[in-house]
């Protein structure tokens, strides 16, 4: 333990700080991507509900007006 080079130790500490900053930045990016994915998932299901409603209405319309 007495053979620790202060210059190498300083470089190591600097690299650790840089890596910590990068990991924090990646954490923020991942959270933003997750929020975006959740929004698009909700939008997808809303679109499916609208398409189902329109399709059901057109089917009802076709069976009650056009076919009679």
PDB file of N, CA and C in Angstrom:
ATOM      1  N   UNK A   1       0.821  -1.201   0.000  1.00  0.00           N
ATOM      2  CA  UNK A   1       0.000   0.000   0.000  1.00  0.00           C
ATOM      3  C   UNK A   1       0.863   1.263   0.000  1.00  0.00           C
ATOM      4  N   UNK A   2       2.093   1.168   0.373  1.00  0.00           N
ATOM      5  CA  UNK A   2       2.955   2.352   0.432  1.00  0.00           C
ATOM      6  C   UNK A   2       3.454   2.770  -0.940  1.00  0.00           C
ATOM      7  N   UNK A   3       3.237   1.954  -1.966  1.00  0.00           N
ATOM      8  CA  UNK A   3       3.769   2.251  -3.296  1.00  0.00           C
ATOM      9  C   UNK A   3       2.727   2.882  -4.209  1.00  0.00           C
ATOM     10  N   UNK A   4       1.828   3.657  -3.688  1.00  0.00           N
ATOM     11  CA  UNK A   4       0.801   4.311  -4.500  1.00  0.00           C
ATOM     12  C   UNK A   4       1.396   5.569  -5.106  1.00  0.00           C
ATOM     13  N   UNK A   5       1.352   5.640  -6.430  1.00  0.00           N
ATOM     14  CA  UNK A   5       1.863   6.803  -7.159  1.00  0.00           C
ATOM     15  C   UNK A   5       0.801   7.896  -7.126  1.00  0.00           C
ATOM     16  N   UNK A   6       1.105   9.046  -6.554  1.00  0.00           N
ATOM     17  CA  UNK A   6       0.092  10.108  -6.440  1.00  0.00           C
ATOM     18  C   UNK A   6      -0.409  10.609  -7.800  1.00  0.00           C
ATOM     19  N   UNK A   7       0.447  10.595  -8.806  1.00  0.00           N
ATOM     20  CA  UNK A   7       0.038  11.061 -10.133  1.00  0.00           C
ATOM     21  C   UNK A   7      -0.961  10.073 -10.748  1.00  0.00           C
ATOM     22  N   UNK A   8      -0.644   8.790 -10.676  1.00  0.00           N
ATOM     23  CA  UNK A   8      -1.553   7.773 -11.196  1.00  0.00           C
ATOM     24  C   UNK A   8      -2.870   7.765 -10.421  1.00  0.00           C
ATOM     25  N   UNK A   9      -2.784   7.968  -9.119  1.00  0.00           N
ATOM     26  CA  UNK A   9      -3.988   8.015  -8.290  1.00  0.00           C
ATOM     27  C   UNK A   9      -4.863   9.206  -8.686  1.00  0.00           C
ATOM     28  N   UNK A  10      -4.245  10.330  -8.944  1.00  0.00           N
ATOM     29  CA  UNK A  10      -4.977  11.520  -9.381  1.00  0.00           C
ATOM     30  C   UNK A  10      -5.656  11.302 -10.728  1.00  0.00           C
ATOM     31  N   UNK A  11      -4.919  10.652 -11.657  1.00  0.00           N
ATOM     32  CA  UNK A  11      -5.501  10.348 -12.962  1.00  0.00           C
ATOM     33  C   UNK A  11      -6.696   9.412 -12.806  1.00  0.00           C
ATOM     34  N   UNK A  12      -6.563   8.427 -11.942  1.00  0.00           N
ATOM     35  CA  UNK A  12      -7.649   7.483 -11.706  1.00  0.00           C
ATOM     36  C   UNK A  12      -8.873   8.184 -11.133  1.00  0.00           C
ATOM     37  N   UNK A  13      -8.659   9.081 -10.188  1.00  0.00           N
ATOM     38  CA  UNK A  13      -9.785   9.833  -9.619  1.00  0.00           C
ATOM     39  C   UNK A  13     -10.468  10.693 -10.680  1.00  0.00           C
ATOM     40  N   UNK A  14      -9.674  11.311 -11.561  1.00  0.00           N
ATOM     41  CA  UNK A  14     -10.246  12.134 -12.629  1.00  0.00           C
ATOM     42  C   UNK A  14     -11.081  11.276 -13.576  1.00  0.00           C
ATOM     43  N   UNK A  15     -10.586  10.091 -13.924  1.00  0.00           N
ATOM     44  CA  UNK A  15     -11.328   9.201 -14.810  1.00  0.00           C
ATOM     45  C   UNK A  15     -12.630   8.736 -14.157  1.00  0.00           C
ATOM     46  N   UNK A  16     -12.583   8.461 -12.872  1.00  0.00           N
ATOM     47  CA  UNK A  16     -13.793   8.044 -12.156  1.00  0.00           C
ATOM     48  C   UNK A  16     -14.826   9.162 -12.183  1.00  0.00           C
ATOM     49  N   UNK A  17     -14.414  10.389 -11.992  1.00  0.00           N
ATOM     50  CA  UNK A  17     -15.346  11.527 -12.038  1.00  0.00           C
ATOM     51  C   UNK A  17     -15.968  11.670 -13.423  1.00  0.00           C
ATOM     52  N   UNK A  18     -15.141  11.497 -14.454  1.00  0.00           N
ATOM     53  CA  UNK A  18     -15.657  11.595 -15.826  1.00  0.00           C
ATOM     54  C   UNK A  18     -16.685  10.495 -16.073  1.00  0.00           C
ATOM     55  N   UNK A  19     -16.371   9.288 -15.633  1.00  0.00           N
ATOM     56  CA  UNK A  19     -17.303   8.172 -15.820  1.00  0.00           C
ATOM     57  C   UNK A  19     -18.589   8.378 -15.035  1.00  0.00           C
ATOM     58  N   UNK A  20     -18.496   8.938 -13.847  1.00  0.00           N
ATOM     59  CA  UNK A  20     -19.695   9.221 -13.056  1.00  0.00           C
ATOM     60  C   UNK A  20     -20.594  10.208 -13.788  1.00  0.00           C
ATOM     61  N   UNK A  21     -19.990  11.243 -14.377  1.00  0.00           N
ATOM     62  CA  UNK A  21     -20.773  12.234 -15.128  1.00  0.00           C
ATOM     63  C   UNK A  21     -21.455  11.592 -16.332  1.00  0.00           C
ATOM     64  N   UNK A  22     -20.718  10.710 -17.020  1.00  0.00           N
ATOM     65  CA  UNK A  22     -21.300  10.043 -18.185  1.00  0.00           C
ATOM     66  C   UNK A  22     -22.460   9.141 -17.779  1.00  0.00           C
ATOM     67  N   UNK A  23     -22.307   8.422 -16.692  1.00  0.00           N
ATOM     68  CA  UNK A  23     -23.374   7.530 -16.228  1.00  0.00           C
ATOM     69  C   UNK A  23     -24.601   8.337 -15.823  1.00  0.00           C
ATOM     70  N   UNK A  24     -24.410   9.468 -15.163  1.00  0.00           N
ATOM     71  CA  UNK A  24     -25.543  10.314 -14.791  1.00  0.00           C
ATOM     72  C   UNK A  24     -26.259  10.834 -16.031  1.00  0.00           C
ATOM     73  N   UNK A  25     -25.492  11.215 -17.056  1.00  0.00           N
ATOM     74  CA  UNK A  25     -26.088  11.679 -18.299  1.00  0.00           C
ATOM     75  C   UNK A  25     -26.868  10.570 -18.990  1.00  0.00           C
ATOM     76  N   UNK A  26     -26.316   9.367 -18.995  1.00  0.00           N
ATOM     77  CA  UNK A  26     -27.003   8.237 -19.598  1.00  0.00           C
ATOM     78  C   UNK A  26     -28.266   7.898 -18.827  1.00  0.00           C
ATOM     79  N   UNK A  27     -28.225   8.032 -17.514  1.00  0.00           N
ATOM     80  CA  UNK A  27     -29.406   7.764 -16.691  1.00  0.00           C
ATOM     81  C   UNK A  27     -30.543   8.712 -17.058  1.00  0.00           C
ATOM     82  N   UNK A  28     -30.225   9.983 -17.248  1.00  0.00           N
ATOM     83  CA  UNK A  28     -31.236  10.961 -17.647  1.00  0.00           C
ATOM     84  C   UNK A  28     -31.800  10.625 -19.027  1.00  0.00           C
ATOM     85  N   UNK A  29     -30.908  10.246 -19.962  1.00  0.00           N
ATOM     86  CA  UNK A  29     -31.359   9.900 -21.305  1.00  0.00           C
ATOM     87  C   UNK A  29     -32.265   8.677 -21.292  1.00  0.00           C
ATOM     88  N   UNK A  30     -31.912   7.684 -20.497  1.00  0.00           N
ATOM     89  CA  UNK A  30     -32.726   6.468 -20.423  1.00  0.00           C
ATOM     90  C   UNK A  30     -34.099   6.777 -19.846  1.00  0.00           C
ATOM     91  N   UNK A  31     -34.151   7.645 -18.846  1.00  0.00           N
ATOM     92  CA  UNK A  31     -35.444   8.019 -18.276  1.00  0.00           C
ATOM     93  C   UNK A  31     -36.303   8.754 -19.301  1.00  0.00           C
ATOM     94  N   UNK A  32     -35.677   9.615 -20.109  1.00  0.00           N
ATOM     95  CA  UNK A  32     -36.425  10.319 -21.155  1.00  0.00           C
ATOM     96  C   UNK A  32     -36.933   9.350 -22.213  1.00  0.00           C
ATOM     97  N   UNK A  33     -36.110   8.384 -22.587  1.00  0.00           N
ATOM     98  CA  UNK A  33     -36.535   7.386 -23.567  1.00  0.00           C
ATOM     99  C   UNK A  33     -37.681   6.538 -23.033  1.00  0.00           C
ATOM    100  N   UNK A  34     -37.617   6.197 -21.763  1.00  0.00           N
ATOM    101  CA  UNK A  34     -38.692   5.409 -21.154  1.00  0.00           C
ATOM    102  C   UNK A  34     -40.002   6.195 -21.137  1.00  0.00           C
ATOM    103  N   UNK A  35     -39.910   7.487 -20.796  1.00  0.00           N
ATOM    104  CA  UNK A  35     -41.112   8.332 -20.793  1.00  0.00           C
ATOM    105  C   UNK A  35     -41.685   8.447 -22.205  1.00  0.00           C
ATOM    106  N   UNK A  36     -40.823   8.587 -23.199  1.00  0.00           N
ATOM    107  CA  UNK A  36     -41.284   8.673 -24.584  1.00  0.00           C
ATOM    108  C   UNK A  36     -41.938   7.371 -25.031  1.00  0.00           C
ATOM    109  N   UNK A  37     -41.353   6.253 -24.636  1.00  0.00           N
ATOM    110  CA  UNK A  37     -41.939   4.950 -24.989  1.00  0.00           C
ATOM    111  C   UNK A  37     -43.302   4.781 -24.335  1.00  0.00           C
ATOM    112  N   UNK A  38     -43.440   5.214 -23.108  1.00  0.00           N
ATOM    113  CA  UNK A  38     -44.728   5.105 -22.427  1.00  0.00           C
ATOM    114  C   UNK A  38     -45.783   5.987 -23.082  1.00  0.00           C
ATOM    115  N   UNK A  39     -45.383   7.177 -23.534  1.00  0.00           N
ATOM    116  CA  UNK A  39     -46.319   8.064 -24.219  1.00  0.00           C
ATOM    117  C   UNK A  39     -46.774   7.450 -25.533  1.00  0.00           C
ATOM    118  N   UNK A  40     -45.841   6.902 -26.284  1.00  0.00           N
ATOM    119  CA  UNK A  40     -46.213   6.336 -27.580  1.00  0.00           C
ATOM    120  C   UNK A  40     -47.065   5.090 -27.394  1.00  0.00           C
ATOM    121  N   UNK A  41     -46.827   4.340 -26.311  1.00  0.00           N
ATOM    122  CA  UNK A  41     -47.662   3.168 -26.046  1.00  0.00           C
ATOM    123  C   UNK A  41     -49.097   3.605 -25.772  1.00  0.00           C
ATOM    124  N   UNK A  42     -49.279   4.661 -25.010  1.00  0.00           N
ATOM    125  CA  UNK A  42     -50.613   5.183 -24.742  1.00  0.00           C
ATOM    126  C   UNK A  42     -51.273   5.706 -26.001  1.00  0.00           C
ATOM    127  N   UNK A  43     -50.507   6.370 -26.843  1.00  0.00           N
ATOM    128  CA  UNK A  43     -51.031   6.861 -28.109  1.00  0.00           C
ATOM    129  C   UNK A  43     -51.459   5.732 -29.026  1.00  0.00           C
ATOM    130  N   UNK A  44     -50.696   4.655 -29.021  1.00  0.00           N
ATOM    131  CA  UNK A  44     -51.042   3.491 -29.833  1.00  0.00           C
ATOM    132  C   UNK A  44     -52.386   2.923 -29.407  1.00  0.00           C
ATOM    133  N   UNK A  45     -52.574   2.746 -28.102  1.00  0.00           N
ATOM    134  CA  UNK A  45     -53.830   2.169 -27.620  1.00  0.00           C
ATOM    135  C   UNK A  45     -55.003   3.123 -27.839  1.00  0.00           C
ATOM    136  N   UNK A  46     -54.773   4.413 -27.742  1.00  0.00           N
ATOM    137  CA  UNK A  46     -55.842   5.373 -28.034  1.00  0.00           C
ATOM    138  C   UNK A  46     -56.233   5.285 -29.510  1.00  0.00           C
ATOM    139  N   UNK A  47     -55.239   5.157 -30.381  1.00  0.00           N
ATOM    140  CA  UNK A  47     -55.522   5.004 -31.806  1.00  0.00           C
ATOM    141  C   UNK A  47     -56.279   3.725 -32.105  1.00  0.00           C
ATOM    142  N   UNK A  48     -55.921   2.653 -31.409  1.00  0.00           N
ATOM    143  CA  UNK A  48     -56.639   1.387 -31.596  1.00  0.00           C
ATOM    144  C   UNK A  48     -58.094   1.517 -31.153  1.00  0.00           C
ATOM    145  N   UNK A  49     -58.326   2.223 -30.054  1.00  0.00           N
ATOM    146  CA  UNK A  49     -59.692   2.408 -29.567  1.00  0.00           C
ATOM    147  C   UNK A  49     -60.508   3.234 -30.561  1.00  0.00           C
ATOM    148  N   UNK A  50     -59.906   4.272 -31.093  1.00  0.00           N
ATOM    149  CA  UNK A  50     -60.613   5.113 -32.072  1.00  0.00           C
ATOM    150  C   UNK A  50     -60.915   4.313 -33.334  1.00  0.00           C
ATOM    151  N   UNK A  51     -59.932   3.558 -33.813  1.00  0.00           N
ATOM    152  CA  UNK A  51     -60.135   2.752 -35.018  1.00  0.00           C
ATOM    153  C   UNK A  51     -61.215   1.696 -34.796  1.00  0.00           C
ATOM    154  N   UNK A  52     -61.242   1.106 -33.622  1.00  0.00           N
ATOM    155  CA  UNK A  52     -62.279   0.113 -33.317  1.00  0.00           C
ATOM    156  C   UNK A  52     -63.658   0.761 -33.300  1.00  0.00           C
ATOM    157  N   UNK A  53     -63.747   1.929 -32.689  1.00  0.00           N
ATOM    158  CA  UNK A  53     -65.029   2.638 -32.638  1.00  0.00           C
ATOM    159  C   UNK A  53     -65.517   3.018 -34.026  1.00  0.00           C
ATOM    160  N   UNK A  54     -64.628   3.547 -34.849  1.00  0.00           N
ATOM    161  CA  UNK A  54     -65.011   3.929 -36.207  1.00  0.00           C
ATOM    162  C   UNK A  54     -65.397   2.691 -37.009  1.00  0.00           C
ATOM    163  N   UNK A  55     -64.629   1.620 -36.872  1.00  0.00           N
ATOM    164  CA  UNK A  55     -64.962   0.384 -37.584  1.00  0.00           C
ATOM    165  C   UNK A  55     -66.295  -0.181 -37.147  1.00  0.00           C
ATOM    166  N   UNK A  56     -66.563  -0.154 -35.853  1.00  0.00           N
ATOM    167  CA  UNK A  56     -67.855  -0.626 -35.354  1.00  0.00           C
ATOM    168  C   UNK A  56     -69.005   0.215 -35.867  1.00  0.00           C
ATOM    169  N   UNK A  57     -68.804   1.532 -35.876  1.00  0.00           N
ATOM    170  CA  UNK A  57     -69.852   2.419 -36.387  1.00  0.00           C
ATOM    171  C   UNK A  57     -70.114   2.178 -37.865  1.00  0.00           C
ATOM    172  N   UNK A  58     -69.051   2.025 -38.649  1.00  0.00           N
ATOM    173  CA  UNK A  58     -69.223   1.770 -40.080  1.00  0.00           C
ATOM    174  C   UNK A  58     -69.904   0.430 -40.322  1.00  0.00           C
ATOM    175  N   UNK A  59     -69.603  -0.553 -39.518  1.00  0.00           N
ATOM    176  CA  UNK A  59     -70.263  -1.851 -39.638  1.00  0.00           C
ATOM    177  C   UNK A  59     -71.747  -1.729 -39.311  1.00  0.00           C
ATOM    178  N   UNK A  60     -72.052  -1.015 -38.246  1.00  0.00           N
ATOM    179  CA  UNK A  60     -73.447  -0.803 -37.871  1.00  0.00           C
ATOM    180  C   UNK A  60     -74.174  -0.030 -38.966  1.00  0.00           C
ATOM    181  N   UNK A  61     -73.532   1.007 -39.449  1.00  0.00           N
ATOM    182  CA  UNK A  61     -74.111   1.826 -40.516  1.00  0.00           C
ATOM    183  C   UNK A  61     -74.375   0.986 -41.750  1.00  0.00           C
ATOM    184  N   UNK A  62     -73.414   0.149 -42.103  1.00  0.00           N
ATOM    185  CA  UNK A  62     -73.576  -0.692 -43.284  1.00  0.00           C
ATOM    186  C   UNK A  62     -74.665  -1.728 -43.110  1.00  0.00           C
ATOM    187  N   UNK A  63     -74.796  -2.260 -41.929  1.00  0.00           N
ATOM    188  CA  UNK A  63     -75.791  -3.305 -41.725  1.00  0.00           C
ATOM    189  C   UNK A  63     -77.198  -2.734 -41.554  1.00  0.00           C
ATOM    190  N   UNK A  64     -77.332  -1.491 -41.150  1.00  0.00           N
ATOM    191  CA  UNK A  64     -78.655  -0.924 -40.948  1.00  0.00           C
ATOM    192  C   UNK A  64     -79.149  -0.049 -42.098  1.00  0.00           C
ATOM    193  N   UNK A  65     -78.293   0.582 -42.801  1.00  0.00           N
ATOM    194  CA  UNK A  65     -78.741   1.492 -43.861  1.00  0.00           C
ATOM    195  C   UNK A  65     -78.474   0.954 -45.259  1.00  0.00           C
ATOM    196  N   UNK A  66     -77.272   0.500 -45.473  1.00  0.00           N
ATOM    197  CA  UNK A  66     -76.883   0.135 -46.842  1.00  0.00           C
ATOM    198  C   UNK A  66     -77.470  -1.206 -47.233  1.00  0.00           C
ATOM    199  N   UNK A  67     -77.510  -2.143 -46.336  1.00  0.00           N
ATOM    200  CA  UNK A  67     -77.960  -3.501 -46.676  1.00  0.00           C
ATOM    201  C   UNK A  67     -79.467  -3.636 -46.645  1.00  0.00           C
ATOM    202  N   UNK A  68     -80.209  -2.673 -46.175  1.00  0.00           N
ATOM    203  CA  UNK A  68     -81.677  -2.783 -46.104  1.00  0.00           C
ATOM    204  C   UNK A  68     -82.351  -2.022 -47.212  1.00  0.00           C
TER     205      UNK A  68
END
